[in-house]
């Protein structure tokens, strides 16, 4: 029998049903996917997924059937599950504009979880994210945000090399590119940026395209049918000046079919090129004014990051980290406070675009209240 009990709020793709664009359409809702919260829990030794909640009963039953959740533990609405179940961990897998309500309700509920594993981005506004962090701290609940790249072995080792061992020296410049949209996708890039450099934005200037290809290709609700709020999330980008002096450019305007997730770092001791879509990572040491390429295997990274391998393993790794947090044997590797660093950059892009000026971070009220909806 498992030591810990987990429940999921939101029975959608990232919870375990599969995601159009990542999985074959005929498999969605029919197969168990490792790259999901349910798949992560299934890979642990001591956590059992015992309950699920959603407002869509059809989706709830599809999820329950796929993951063998008994009908009596399939709850219509998160409140019902949180009132009825004693849970050690709660996953929040709902659209980002609902994260605040679901995380705060879970932290304050009778279920009394010790860990809340929340999907990225952490929230739709900086104010919501800060409230989530504060409530979880008050309740002595770990808020773990699923910026999944943090749970890959390669990025964790790369963070040690850059932030702790200084293989790049003082980083001057970073350029980043990924497919649209900002909240849905750029949050991964920006979390990598603030994590690898252990830095926070100071100044932001942004541009918003207004285009969102996922509304059509992934059948996201645009709000016109009386459902969730209209989706604001769009392609865009801009520049960010970090508090360590690094100048970073972000381009998240590229359509899915044309994109590659790329990052390039230039520092006083070397430069680094990461292409996660094509599986190519390269590093050059700066020696006597010349850049000399070095094999990252010398530094403990074998091969390059890939979606099929590293991303797939990220969810079991994250769930095992939930297990470690419950055991009290680890420190949180992806806190709500750190996740807010990427969100405030994205909100800054929007504020800059619509006001025509640069934005300083941390955001002042009422700027922290600006809500950017995604799903």
Protein backbone atom coordinates (compact mmCIF):
# COMPACT_ATOMS: atom_id res chain seq x y z
CA UNK A 1 0.00 0.00 0.00
CA UNK A 2 1.29 3.43 -0.93
CA UNK A 3 2.43 5.76 1.82
CA UNK A 4 0.89 8.92 0.34
CA UNK A 5 -2.44 9.79 -1.30
CA UNK A 6 -2.79 12.22 -4.21
CA UNK A 7 -5.69 13.88 -5.96
CA UNK A 8 -5.88 15.84 -9.22
CA UNK A 9 -7.96 18.96 -9.93
CA UNK A 10 -8.64 19.22 -13.66
CA UNK A 11 -8.98 16.04 -15.72
CA UNK A 12 -7.46 17.35 -18.94
CA UNK A 13 -4.46 16.64 -21.11
CA UNK A 14 -1.59 17.49 -18.78
CA UNK A 15 -3.37 15.67 -15.96
CA UNK A 16 -3.18 12.43 -17.94
CA UNK A 17 -5.57 12.36 -20.92
CA UNK A 18 -2.97 13.42 -23.50
CA UNK A 19 -2.39 16.65 -25.43
CA UNK A 20 -3.24 17.30 -29.07
CA UNK A 21 -0.01 18.33 -30.76
CA UNK A 22 2.05 15.99 -28.56
CA UNK A 23 0.00 12.78 -28.81
CA UNK A 24 -1.96 11.05 -31.56
CA UNK A 25 -5.58 12.16 -31.55
CA UNK A 26 -6.94 8.59 -31.43
CA UNK A 27 -4.90 7.90 -28.26
CA UNK A 28 -6.12 10.91 -26.28
CA UNK A 29 -8.31 9.76 -23.42
CA UNK A 30 -7.59 6.13 -24.21
CA UNK A 31 -3.96 5.61 -23.15
CA UNK A 32 -1.90 6.35 -20.07
CA UNK A 33 0.70 9.01 -20.82
CA UNK A 34 3.92 9.21 -18.82
CA UNK A 35 4.31 12.94 -19.55
CA UNK A 36 1.47 13.89 -17.21
CA UNK A 37 0.71 14.30 -13.52
CA UNK A 38 -1.03 10.92 -13.34
CA UNK A 39 1.86 9.36 -15.25
CA UNK A 40 4.30 10.91 -12.81
CA UNK A 41 2.46 9.55 -9.78
CA UNK A 42 2.28 6.10 -11.40
CA UNK A 43 6.09 6.08 -11.61
CA UNK A 44 6.57 6.64 -7.87
CA UNK A 45 6.88 3.95 -5.22
CA UNK A 46 4.93 5.64 -2.44
CA UNK A 47 2.29 7.91 -4.00
CA UNK A 48 -1.09 6.59 -5.14
CA UNK A 49 -3.48 8.66 -7.23
CA UNK A 50 -6.78 8.09 -5.45
CA UNK A 51 -9.12 10.87 -6.62
CA UNK A 52 -9.83 13.32 -9.44
CA UNK A 53 -12.11 16.36 -9.79
CA UNK A 54 -13.44 18.29 -12.78
CA UNK A 55 -16.55 20.30 -13.65
CA UNK A 56 -16.93 18.39 -16.94
CA UNK A 57 -18.48 15.03 -16.08
CA UNK A 58 -17.72 13.46 -19.47
CA UNK A 59 -14.03 14.37 -19.16
CA UNK A 60 -14.07 13.20 -15.55
CA UNK A 61 -15.33 9.76 -16.55
CA UNK A 62 -12.84 9.47 -19.44
CA UNK A 63 -10.01 10.25 -17.06
CA UNK A 64 -11.36 7.94 -14.36
CA UNK A 65 -11.69 5.06 -16.80
CA UNK A 66 -8.23 5.63 -18.30
CA UNK A 67 -6.50 5.84 -14.89
CA UNK A 68 -8.73 3.39 -13.02
CA UNK A 69 -10.12 5.87 -10.50
CA UNK A 70 -13.26 4.37 -8.80
CA UNK A 71 -16.51 6.18 -9.70
CA UNK A 72 -17.04 7.21 -6.08
CA UNK A 73 -13.73 9.07 -6.16
CA UNK A 74 -14.52 11.06 -9.31
CA UNK A 75 -15.75 14.41 -8.01
CA UNK A 76 -17.74 17.05 -9.86
CA UNK A 77 -15.96 20.21 -8.76
CA UNK A 78 -12.77 20.55 -6.73
CA UNK A 79 -14.58 21.54 -3.53
CA UNK A 80 -16.27 18.13 -3.32
CA UNK A 81 -12.95 16.30 -3.56
CA UNK A 82 -11.19 18.58 -1.09
CA UNK A 83 -14.05 18.18 1.42
CA UNK A 84 -14.23 14.38 1.14
CA UNK A 85 -10.61 13.25 0.79
CA UNK A 86 -7.59 13.26 3.08
CA UNK A 87 -4.76 14.02 0.63
CA UNK A 88 -1.03 14.39 1.00
CA UNK A 89 -0.57 15.90 -2.47
CA UNK A 90 -2.89 17.78 -4.81
CA UNK A 91 -2.14 18.42 -8.48
CA UNK A 92 -3.69 21.54 -10.04
CA UNK A 93 -4.02 20.90 -13.77
CA UNK A 94 -6.62 23.51 -14.70
CA UNK A 95 -6.27 26.58 -16.96
CA UNK A 96 -3.92 29.17 -15.50
CA UNK A 97 -6.65 31.72 -14.77
CA UNK A 98 -8.11 29.18 -12.31
CA UNK A 99 -4.85 28.32 -10.54
CA UNK A 100 -5.27 30.92 -7.82
CA UNK A 101 -8.68 29.62 -6.72
CA UNK A 102 -7.70 25.96 -6.88
CA UNK A 103 -4.35 26.32 -5.12
CA UNK A 104 -5.70 28.59 -2.37
CA UNK A 105 -8.77 26.38 -1.87
CA UNK A 106 -6.60 23.25 -1.68
CA UNK A 107 -4.16 24.81 0.81
CA UNK A 108 -7.01 25.89 3.09
CA UNK A 109 -9.13 22.76 2.67
CA UNK A 110 -9.96 19.86 4.95
CA UNK A 111 -7.85 17.68 2.60
CA UNK A 112 -4.84 19.51 4.11
CA UNK A 113 -2.19 18.56 1.51
CA UNK A 114 1.48 18.98 2.35
CA UNK A 115 2.39 19.53 -1.33
CA UNK A 116 0.47 21.24 -4.14
CA UNK A 117 1.93 20.42 -7.56
CA UNK A 118 0.65 23.21 -9.82
CA UNK A 119 0.94 23.41 -13.59
CA UNK A 120 2.80 26.26 -15.24
CA UNK A 121 2.43 29.19 -15.63
CA UNK A 122 1.87 29.69 -11.93
CA UNK A 123 -1.09 32.08 -12.40
CA UNK A 124 -2.72 34.62 -14.71
CA UNK A 125 -1.54 37.65 -12.71
CA UNK A 126 1.34 38.46 -10.42
CA UNK A 127 -1.12 39.35 -7.65
CA UNK A 128 -2.68 35.89 -7.88
CA UNK A 129 0.75 34.23 -7.83
CA UNK A 130 1.82 36.20 -4.77
CA UNK A 131 -1.38 35.29 -2.92
CA UNK A 132 -0.87 31.61 -3.75
CA UNK A 133 2.66 31.76 -2.37
CA UNK A 134 1.58 33.58 0.79
CA UNK A 135 -1.34 31.24 1.56
CA UNK A 136 0.79 28.14 1.03
CA UNK A 137 3.46 29.56 3.34
CA UNK A 138 0.82 30.32 5.97
CA UNK A 139 -0.51 26.75 5.74
CA UNK A 140 3.00 25.21 5.70
CA UNK A 141 2.22 23.73 2.27
CA UNK A 142 4.89 23.33 -0.38
CA UNK A 143 3.83 24.98 -3.66
CA UNK A 144 5.71 23.14 -6.42
CA UNK A 145 5.27 24.63 -9.91
CA UNK A 146 5.61 22.28 -12.87
CA UNK A 147 8.17 24.12 -14.95
CA UNK A 148 9.05 20.67 -16.17
CA UNK A 149 12.51 21.42 -17.56
CA UNK A 150 13.71 21.91 -13.98
CA UNK A 151 13.02 18.22 -13.43
CA UNK A 152 15.30 17.01 -16.20
CA UNK A 153 18.74 15.78 -15.25
CA UNK A 154 20.42 17.78 -18.01
CA UNK A 155 18.99 21.16 -17.03
CA UNK A 156 19.71 20.53 -13.35
CA UNK A 157 23.35 19.79 -14.18
CA UNK A 158 23.48 22.79 -16.54
CA UNK A 159 22.15 25.04 -13.76
CA UNK A 160 24.96 23.84 -11.51
CA UNK A 161 27.53 24.55 -14.23
CA UNK A 162 26.28 28.04 -15.06
CA UNK A 163 24.94 29.38 -11.73
CA UNK A 164 27.31 27.65 -9.32
CA UNK A 165 30.48 26.59 -11.15
CA UNK A 166 30.54 29.60 -13.50
CA UNK A 167 31.52 27.95 -16.78
CA UNK A 168 30.24 31.06 -18.63
CA UNK A 169 31.69 33.57 -16.19
CA UNK A 170 29.61 36.75 -16.01
CA UNK A 171 26.85 36.37 -18.60
CA UNK A 172 26.49 39.43 -20.84
CA UNK A 173 23.82 38.41 -23.30
CA UNK A 174 21.15 35.76 -23.90
CA UNK A 175 18.97 35.29 -26.97
CA UNK A 176 15.98 32.93 -26.86
CA UNK A 177 13.44 31.70 -29.40
CA UNK A 178 10.41 29.40 -29.25
CA UNK A 179 6.99 29.04 -30.81
CA UNK A 180 4.07 31.24 -29.85
CA UNK A 181 2.41 31.79 -27.32
CA UNK A 182 3.94 33.64 -24.36
CA UNK A 183 2.21 32.05 -21.36
CA UNK A 184 1.78 28.61 -22.88
CA UNK A 185 5.34 28.29 -24.20
CA UNK A 186 7.62 31.22 -23.38
CA UNK A 187 7.19 30.50 -19.68
CA UNK A 188 9.51 27.49 -20.23
CA UNK A 189 12.23 29.67 -21.78
CA UNK A 190 11.96 32.39 -19.18
CA UNK A 191 12.03 29.93 -16.31
CA UNK A 192 15.19 28.43 -17.79
CA UNK A 193 16.66 31.94 -17.97
CA UNK A 194 15.98 32.93 -14.36
CA UNK A 195 16.91 29.45 -13.12
CA UNK A 196 20.21 29.09 -14.98
CA UNK A 197 21.33 32.62 -14.07
CA UNK A 198 19.67 32.69 -10.64
CA UNK A 199 18.44 36.18 -11.54
CA UNK A 200 15.32 38.33 -11.69
CA UNK A 201 14.15 40.88 -14.24
CA UNK A 202 14.71 44.59 -13.56
CA UNK A 203 13.42 46.16 -16.78
CA UNK A 204 11.20 44.81 -19.56
CA UNK A 205 10.15 46.03 -23.00
CA UNK A 206 7.70 43.96 -25.02
CA UNK A 207 5.80 43.37 -28.24
CA UNK A 208 2.57 41.36 -28.61
CA UNK A 209 1.49 39.95 -31.99
CA UNK A 210 -2.11 39.25 -30.98
CA UNK A 211 -1.87 35.90 -32.79
CA UNK A 212 -2.70 32.61 -31.08
CA UNK A 213 -2.50 29.51 -33.26
CA UNK A 214 -3.41 27.15 -30.42
CA UNK A 215 -6.95 28.52 -30.20
CA UNK A 216 -7.58 26.86 -33.57
CA UNK A 217 -5.07 24.00 -33.70
CA UNK A 218 -5.62 22.85 -30.10
CA UNK A 219 -9.31 23.84 -29.99
CA UNK A 220 -8.82 26.12 -26.98
CA UNK A 221 -11.89 28.08 -25.93
CA UNK A 222 -11.65 31.71 -27.03
CA UNK A 223 -14.37 32.79 -24.62
CA UNK A 224 -16.97 33.49 -27.30
CA UNK A 225 -19.23 30.63 -26.21
CA UNK A 226 -19.84 31.79 -22.68
CA UNK A 227 -17.20 29.48 -21.22
CA UNK A 228 -13.91 30.62 -19.69
CA UNK A 229 -12.61 34.18 -20.23
CA UNK A 230 -11.35 35.02 -23.71
CA UNK A 231 -7.78 33.81 -24.19
CA UNK A 232 -5.34 36.74 -24.12
CA UNK A 233 -2.25 34.58 -24.54
CA UNK A 234 -0.52 35.43 -27.81
CA UNK A 235 2.78 35.40 -29.62
CA UNK A 236 5.24 38.08 -28.65
CA UNK A 237 8.56 38.86 -27.07
CA UNK A 238 10.90 41.70 -26.25
CA UNK A 239 13.98 42.39 -24.19
CA UNK A 240 14.70 41.87 -20.51
CA UNK A 241 17.46 43.46 -18.43
CA UNK A 242 18.16 41.21 -15.43
CA UNK A 243 19.33 42.29 -12.00
CA UNK A 244 22.76 40.76 -12.68
CA UNK A 245 23.21 43.01 -15.74
CA UNK A 246 22.43 40.36 -18.36
CA UNK A 247 20.60 41.59 -21.47
CA UNK A 248 18.18 38.98 -22.84
CA UNK A 249 16.02 38.96 -25.97
CA UNK A 250 12.93 36.76 -26.24
CA UNK A 251 11.20 35.80 -29.51
CA UNK A 252 8.05 33.74 -29.08
CA UNK A 253 6.38 34.76 -32.36
CA UNK A 254 7.21 31.72 -34.48
CA UNK A 255 4.45 29.28 -35.59
CA UNK A 256 4.72 25.77 -34.18
CA UNK A 257 5.77 24.10 -37.45
CA UNK A 258 8.66 26.52 -38.03
CA UNK A 259 10.02 26.84 -34.51
CA UNK A 260 13.00 25.53 -32.63
CA UNK A 261 13.46 26.06 -28.91
CA UNK A 262 16.86 27.74 -28.91
CA UNK A 263 18.91 29.68 -26.37
CA UNK A 264 22.35 31.22 -26.73
CA UNK A 265 24.40 32.54 -23.79
CA UNK A 266 27.52 34.71 -24.11
CA UNK A 267 29.71 35.29 -21.07
CA UNK A 268 33.17 36.37 -20.00
CA UNK A 269 34.41 32.75 -19.84
CA UNK A 270 32.54 31.08 -22.69
CA UNK A 271 29.37 30.70 -24.72
CA UNK A 272 26.60 28.12 -24.81
CA UNK A 273 24.13 27.12 -27.53
CA UNK A 274 21.02 25.08 -26.67
CA UNK A 275 18.61 23.77 -29.30
CA UNK A 276 16.04 21.60 -27.54
CA UNK A 277 13.87 20.85 -30.57
CA UNK A 278 16.77 19.48 -32.63
CA UNK A 279 18.69 17.93 -29.74
CA UNK A 280 21.87 19.98 -30.02
CA UNK A 281 23.76 21.46 -27.07
CA UNK A 282 27.22 23.01 -27.62
CA UNK A 283 29.69 24.82 -25.36
CA UNK A 284 32.81 26.89 -26.12
CA UNK A 285 35.40 27.97 -23.56
CA UNK A 286 37.00 31.39 -24.03
CA UNK A 287 40.77 30.81 -24.07
CA UNK A 288 43.20 33.61 -24.88
CA UNK A 289 40.54 35.56 -26.76
CA UNK A 290 39.40 32.56 -28.82
CA UNK A 291 36.34 30.38 -28.34
CA UNK A 292 37.39 26.73 -28.20
CA UNK A 293 34.63 24.12 -28.37
CA UNK A 294 34.50 21.65 -25.50
CA UNK A 295 32.42 18.50 -25.17
CA UNK A 296 29.74 18.92 -22.49
CA UNK A 297 30.36 15.27 -21.57
CA UNK A 298 33.49 16.58 -19.83
CA UNK A 299 31.11 18.43 -17.51
CA UNK A 300 28.69 15.57 -16.86
CA UNK A 301 26.10 16.13 -19.61
CA UNK A 302 25.85 13.25 -22.06
CA UNK A 303 24.13 14.22 -25.31
CA UNK A 304 21.57 16.98 -25.72
CA UNK A 305 18.11 17.62 -24.32
CA UNK A 306 15.21 16.04 -26.26
CA UNK A 307 11.43 16.13 -25.99
CA UNK A 308 11.00 12.38 -26.38
CA UNK A 309 13.47 11.45 -23.66
CA UNK A 310 14.13 14.28 -21.21
CA UNK A 311 10.66 15.88 -21.25
CA UNK A 312 9.02 12.46 -20.92
CA UNK A 313 11.11 11.70 -17.82
CA UNK A 314 10.47 15.12 -16.31
CA UNK A 315 7.05 14.12 -14.95
CA UNK A 316 8.18 10.98 -13.10
CA UNK A 317 11.15 13.00 -11.82
CA UNK A 318 8.81 15.77 -10.60
CA UNK A 319 6.49 13.27 -8.92
CA UNK A 320 9.45 11.66 -7.19
CA UNK A 321 10.40 15.15 -6.03
CA UNK A 322 6.87 15.49 -4.61
CA UNK A 323 7.63 12.23 -2.79
CA UNK A 324 10.89 13.69 -1.45
CA UNK A 325 9.10 16.81 -0.23
CA UNK A 326 6.53 14.66 1.53
CA UNK A 327 9.35 12.62 3.11
CA UNK A 328 11.09 15.85 4.18
CA UNK A 329 14.32 14.84 2.44
CA UNK A 330 14.62 17.63 -0.16
CA UNK A 331 14.21 21.37 -0.69
CA UNK A 332 11.66 22.60 -3.23
CA UNK A 333 13.32 22.80 -6.68
CA UNK A 334 10.57 24.90 -8.32
CA UNK A 335 8.91 27.22 -5.83
CA UNK A 336 6.01 29.56 -6.43
CA UNK A 337 8.28 32.53 -5.76
CA UNK A 338 10.68 31.44 -8.48
CA UNK A 339 7.83 30.73 -10.89
CA UNK A 340 6.57 34.29 -10.38
CA UNK A 341 9.85 35.56 -11.89
CA UNK A 342 8.91 34.27 -15.35
CA UNK A 343 5.29 35.40 -15.02
CA UNK A 344 6.24 38.98 -14.16
CA UNK A 345 8.38 39.17 -17.33
CA UNK A 346 5.45 38.03 -19.50
CA UNK A 347 3.06 40.46 -17.81
CA UNK A 348 5.73 43.12 -18.34
CA UNK A 349 5.76 42.38 -22.07
CA UNK A 350 2.00 42.97 -22.23
CA UNK A 351 2.10 46.14 -20.15
CA UNK A 352 4.97 47.52 -22.23
CA UNK A 353 3.23 46.76 -25.53
CA UNK A 354 -0.07 48.36 -24.57
CA UNK A 355 1.44 51.40 -22.85
CA UNK A 356 4.27 52.02 -25.31
CA UNK A 357 6.90 52.22 -22.59
CA UNK A 358 9.35 50.14 -20.60
CA UNK A 359 8.26 48.42 -17.39
CA UNK A 360 10.23 48.10 -14.16
CA UNK A 361 10.21 44.92 -12.06
CA UNK A 362 9.01 44.25 -9.41
CA UNK A 363 5.68 45.49 -10.69
CA UNK A 364 3.87 48.11 -8.65
CA UNK A 365 0.14 48.00 -7.96
CA UNK A 366 -2.11 48.07 -9.87
CA UNK A 367 0.22 46.58 -12.52
CA UNK A 368 0.51 43.35 -10.53
CA UNK A 369 -3.24 42.94 -10.96
CA UNK A 370 -3.07 42.74 -14.77
CA UNK A 371 -4.48 39.35 -15.78
CA UNK A 372 -3.34 37.46 -18.88
CA UNK A 373 -5.61 34.47 -19.56
CA UNK A 374 -4.40 31.21 -21.03
CA UNK A 375 -5.66 27.63 -20.56
